[in-house]
N, C-alpha and C. Protein backbone atom coordinates (compact mmCIF):
# COMPACT_ATOMS: atom_id res chain seq x y z
N MET A 1 -5.97 -70.83 -53.86
CA MET A 1 -6.45 -70.37 -52.69
C MET A 1 -5.60 -70.85 -51.51
N LYS A 2 -5.22 -69.97 -50.55
CA LYS A 2 -4.34 -70.33 -49.48
C LYS A 2 -5.17 -71.09 -48.40
N THR A 3 -4.49 -71.93 -47.58
CA THR A 3 -5.06 -72.67 -46.63
C THR A 3 -5.02 -72.01 -45.22
N ILE A 4 -6.10 -71.66 -44.53
CA ILE A 4 -6.22 -71.03 -43.38
C ILE A 4 -5.99 -71.92 -42.24
N GLY A 5 -5.12 -71.63 -41.28
CA GLY A 5 -5.02 -72.46 -39.99
C GLY A 5 -5.68 -71.71 -38.90
N LEU A 6 -6.81 -72.17 -38.38
CA LEU A 6 -7.57 -71.51 -37.37
C LEU A 6 -7.47 -72.20 -36.01
N ILE A 7 -6.89 -71.41 -35.12
CA ILE A 7 -6.82 -71.89 -33.71
C ILE A 7 -8.14 -71.58 -33.05
N GLY A 8 -8.88 -72.55 -32.81
CA GLY A 8 -10.20 -72.34 -32.14
C GLY A 8 -10.23 -72.88 -30.73
N GLY A 9 -11.41 -72.87 -30.26
CA GLY A 9 -11.56 -73.52 -28.89
C GLY A 9 -11.43 -72.48 -27.71
N MET A 10 -11.08 -71.25 -27.91
CA MET A 10 -11.10 -70.30 -26.92
C MET A 10 -12.50 -70.19 -26.47
N SER A 11 -13.45 -70.37 -27.26
CA SER A 11 -14.72 -70.73 -26.91
C SER A 11 -15.32 -71.45 -28.22
N TRP A 12 -16.01 -72.56 -28.12
CA TRP A 12 -16.37 -73.29 -29.38
C TRP A 12 -17.40 -72.38 -30.13
N GLU A 13 -18.17 -71.51 -29.41
CA GLU A 13 -19.13 -70.65 -29.93
C GLU A 13 -18.48 -69.63 -30.86
N SER A 14 -17.32 -69.11 -30.55
CA SER A 14 -16.78 -68.06 -31.34
C SER A 14 -15.98 -68.76 -32.51
N SER A 15 -15.46 -69.97 -32.31
CA SER A 15 -14.79 -70.79 -33.46
C SER A 15 -15.90 -71.03 -34.49
N LEU A 16 -17.11 -71.34 -34.16
CA LEU A 16 -18.14 -71.74 -34.98
C LEU A 16 -18.46 -70.32 -35.82
N GLU A 17 -18.60 -69.18 -35.13
CA GLU A 17 -18.80 -67.98 -35.80
C GLU A 17 -17.72 -67.43 -36.81
N TYR A 18 -16.45 -67.66 -36.36
CA TYR A 18 -15.41 -67.30 -37.28
C TYR A 18 -15.35 -68.22 -38.46
N TYR A 19 -15.70 -69.57 -38.26
CA TYR A 19 -15.74 -70.39 -39.56
C TYR A 19 -16.84 -70.09 -40.49
N ARG A 20 -18.01 -69.63 -39.89
CA ARG A 20 -19.16 -69.30 -40.64
C ARG A 20 -18.81 -67.98 -41.39
N LEU A 21 -18.22 -66.96 -40.73
CA LEU A 21 -17.90 -65.75 -41.34
C LEU A 21 -16.85 -65.77 -42.52
N ILE A 22 -15.90 -66.62 -42.26
CA ILE A 22 -14.69 -66.89 -43.26
C ILE A 22 -15.48 -67.51 -44.57
N ASN A 23 -16.28 -68.54 -44.33
CA ASN A 23 -16.92 -69.25 -45.53
C ASN A 23 -17.87 -68.37 -46.23
N GLU A 24 -18.66 -67.41 -45.49
CA GLU A 24 -19.54 -66.58 -46.08
C GLU A 24 -18.75 -65.50 -47.03
N GLU A 25 -17.62 -65.06 -46.54
CA GLU A 25 -16.82 -64.19 -47.33
C GLU A 25 -16.25 -64.79 -48.54
N VAL A 26 -15.69 -66.04 -48.48
CA VAL A 26 -15.25 -66.68 -49.62
C VAL A 26 -16.42 -66.93 -50.60
N LYS A 27 -17.53 -67.27 -50.20
CA LYS A 27 -18.71 -67.49 -51.03
C LYS A 27 -19.09 -66.23 -51.80
N GLU A 28 -19.02 -65.11 -51.00
CA GLU A 28 -19.42 -63.74 -51.60
C GLU A 28 -18.40 -63.42 -52.64
N ARG A 29 -17.02 -63.61 -52.38
CA ARG A 29 -15.99 -63.21 -53.27
C ARG A 29 -15.96 -64.20 -54.51
N LEU A 30 -16.06 -65.46 -54.26
CA LEU A 30 -15.76 -66.34 -55.33
C LEU A 30 -17.11 -66.92 -55.99
N GLY A 31 -18.25 -66.96 -55.33
CA GLY A 31 -19.45 -67.38 -55.69
C GLY A 31 -19.60 -68.95 -55.87
N GLY A 32 -20.57 -69.38 -56.51
CA GLY A 32 -20.74 -70.93 -56.82
C GLY A 32 -20.79 -71.61 -55.45
N LEU A 33 -20.09 -72.67 -55.42
CA LEU A 33 -20.08 -73.53 -54.20
C LEU A 33 -18.70 -73.48 -53.46
N HIS A 34 -17.89 -72.35 -53.74
CA HIS A 34 -16.61 -72.23 -53.11
C HIS A 34 -16.79 -72.10 -51.59
N SER A 35 -15.83 -72.70 -50.98
CA SER A 35 -15.56 -72.55 -49.51
C SER A 35 -14.16 -72.45 -49.12
N ALA A 36 -13.84 -71.98 -47.95
CA ALA A 36 -12.52 -71.74 -47.52
C ALA A 36 -11.73 -73.09 -47.40
N LYS A 37 -10.56 -73.10 -47.68
CA LYS A 37 -9.67 -74.20 -47.38
C LYS A 37 -9.11 -73.79 -45.92
N CYS A 38 -9.55 -74.61 -45.05
CA CYS A 38 -9.35 -74.36 -43.62
C CYS A 38 -9.00 -75.59 -42.83
N VAL A 39 -8.00 -75.45 -41.88
CA VAL A 39 -7.67 -76.59 -40.97
C VAL A 39 -7.95 -75.91 -39.61
N LEU A 40 -8.64 -76.61 -38.77
CA LEU A 40 -8.93 -76.02 -37.39
C LEU A 40 -8.36 -76.97 -36.37
N TYR A 41 -7.72 -76.27 -35.44
CA TYR A 41 -7.17 -76.85 -34.20
C TYR A 41 -7.90 -76.31 -32.99
N SER A 42 -8.75 -77.12 -32.31
CA SER A 42 -9.50 -76.59 -31.23
C SER A 42 -8.77 -76.98 -29.91
N VAL A 43 -8.39 -75.89 -29.16
CA VAL A 43 -7.72 -76.16 -27.91
C VAL A 43 -8.75 -76.32 -26.75
N ASP A 44 -8.39 -77.02 -25.77
CA ASP A 44 -9.23 -77.03 -24.55
C ASP A 44 -9.06 -75.92 -23.69
N PHE A 45 -10.12 -75.01 -23.81
CA PHE A 45 -9.91 -73.75 -23.24
C PHE A 45 -9.79 -73.79 -21.68
N GLU A 46 -10.16 -74.91 -21.08
CA GLU A 46 -10.01 -75.10 -19.61
C GLU A 46 -8.47 -75.00 -19.29
N GLU A 47 -7.67 -75.60 -20.11
CA GLU A 47 -6.22 -75.50 -19.93
C GLU A 47 -5.69 -74.09 -19.96
N ILE A 48 -6.10 -73.34 -20.93
CA ILE A 48 -5.86 -71.98 -21.11
C ILE A 48 -6.31 -71.16 -20.00
N GLU A 49 -7.49 -71.32 -19.49
CA GLU A 49 -8.09 -70.58 -18.30
C GLU A 49 -7.29 -70.88 -17.05
N ILE A 50 -6.89 -72.12 -16.83
CA ILE A 50 -6.01 -72.35 -15.70
C ILE A 50 -4.74 -71.61 -15.71
N CYS A 51 -4.14 -71.55 -16.99
CA CYS A 51 -2.86 -70.75 -17.09
C CYS A 51 -3.09 -69.33 -16.73
N GLN A 52 -4.22 -68.74 -17.24
CA GLN A 52 -4.51 -67.38 -16.97
C GLN A 52 -4.69 -67.08 -15.50
N ARG A 53 -5.50 -67.98 -14.93
CA ARG A 53 -5.79 -67.79 -13.51
C ARG A 53 -4.53 -67.85 -12.65
N ASN A 54 -3.54 -68.68 -13.04
CA ASN A 54 -2.32 -68.95 -12.35
C ASN A 54 -1.21 -68.07 -12.72
N ASP A 55 -1.59 -67.09 -13.65
CA ASP A 55 -0.53 -66.18 -14.24
C ASP A 55 0.63 -66.94 -14.88
N GLU A 56 0.30 -68.03 -15.55
CA GLU A 56 1.19 -68.81 -16.27
C GLU A 56 1.15 -68.50 -17.79
N TRP A 57 1.50 -67.37 -18.12
CA TRP A 57 1.40 -66.89 -19.56
C TRP A 57 2.32 -67.60 -20.56
N GLU A 58 3.51 -67.98 -20.02
CA GLU A 58 4.42 -68.63 -20.96
C GLU A 58 3.91 -70.09 -21.29
N LYS A 59 3.30 -70.70 -20.27
CA LYS A 59 2.66 -72.00 -20.54
C LYS A 59 1.53 -71.85 -21.50
N ALA A 60 0.63 -70.83 -21.37
CA ALA A 60 -0.44 -70.67 -22.25
C ALA A 60 0.09 -70.37 -23.66
N GLY A 61 1.16 -69.66 -23.85
CA GLY A 61 1.83 -69.44 -25.06
C GLY A 61 2.25 -70.63 -25.71
N GLU A 62 2.77 -71.62 -24.81
CA GLU A 62 3.46 -72.87 -25.36
C GLU A 62 2.18 -73.70 -25.94
N ILE A 63 1.09 -73.70 -25.25
CA ILE A 63 -0.12 -74.53 -25.80
C ILE A 63 -0.46 -73.98 -27.02
N LEU A 64 -0.62 -72.71 -27.22
CA LEU A 64 -1.16 -72.03 -28.52
C LEU A 64 -0.02 -72.25 -29.64
N ALA A 65 1.29 -72.21 -29.17
CA ALA A 65 2.41 -72.39 -30.13
C ALA A 65 2.30 -73.82 -30.70
N ARG A 66 2.06 -74.71 -29.76
CA ARG A 66 1.99 -76.22 -30.29
C ARG A 66 0.86 -76.28 -31.21
N ALA A 67 -0.30 -75.72 -31.04
CA ALA A 67 -1.46 -75.82 -31.94
C ALA A 67 -1.05 -75.11 -33.22
N ALA A 68 -0.30 -73.95 -33.18
CA ALA A 68 0.05 -73.43 -34.46
C ALA A 68 1.07 -74.31 -35.29
N LEU A 69 1.89 -75.01 -34.63
CA LEU A 69 2.82 -75.87 -35.28
C LEU A 69 2.08 -77.07 -35.87
N SER A 70 1.10 -77.53 -35.18
CA SER A 70 0.27 -78.63 -35.77
C SER A 70 -0.56 -78.24 -36.90
N LEU A 71 -1.00 -76.96 -36.97
CA LEU A 71 -1.62 -76.44 -38.14
C LEU A 71 -0.71 -76.32 -39.25
N GLU A 72 0.47 -75.81 -38.96
CA GLU A 72 1.47 -75.73 -40.04
C GLU A 72 1.80 -77.11 -40.64
N ALA A 73 1.97 -78.04 -39.91
CA ALA A 73 2.28 -79.34 -40.27
C ALA A 73 1.10 -79.89 -41.10
N ALA A 74 -0.21 -79.58 -40.83
CA ALA A 74 -1.32 -79.91 -41.60
C ALA A 74 -1.53 -79.19 -42.93
N GLY A 75 -0.65 -78.23 -43.19
CA GLY A 75 -0.68 -77.56 -44.45
C GLY A 75 -1.11 -76.10 -44.49
N ALA A 76 -1.40 -75.52 -43.24
CA ALA A 76 -1.83 -74.18 -43.21
C ALA A 76 -0.77 -73.25 -43.77
N ASP A 77 -1.21 -72.26 -44.53
CA ASP A 77 -0.33 -71.27 -45.14
C ASP A 77 -0.16 -70.03 -44.13
N PHE A 78 -1.17 -69.78 -43.25
CA PHE A 78 -1.08 -68.83 -42.23
C PHE A 78 -2.02 -69.19 -41.08
N ILE A 79 -1.80 -68.59 -39.94
CA ILE A 79 -2.49 -68.98 -38.71
C ILE A 79 -3.35 -67.76 -38.22
N VAL A 80 -4.58 -67.97 -37.67
CA VAL A 80 -5.42 -67.01 -37.12
C VAL A 80 -5.77 -67.60 -35.84
N LEU A 81 -5.94 -66.68 -34.80
CA LEU A 81 -6.41 -66.99 -33.44
C LEU A 81 -7.68 -66.22 -33.07
């Protein structure tokens, strides 16, 4: 099973929902006590929102890119946002 790298924190509520849905799908497909191999990086959305408000899209992208690199270093095979 591949390891999912999940960038969360755009809202913790949606991150929770994504994590739940991913694991429900794994359980449905594999059965038993299987769960997803997942690494979560939760960004501070306040930082992203400030970038959005100030039209600093490159800076927002840099924040998310750093999160993705951290997930890669932690063993993620692919990244979802």
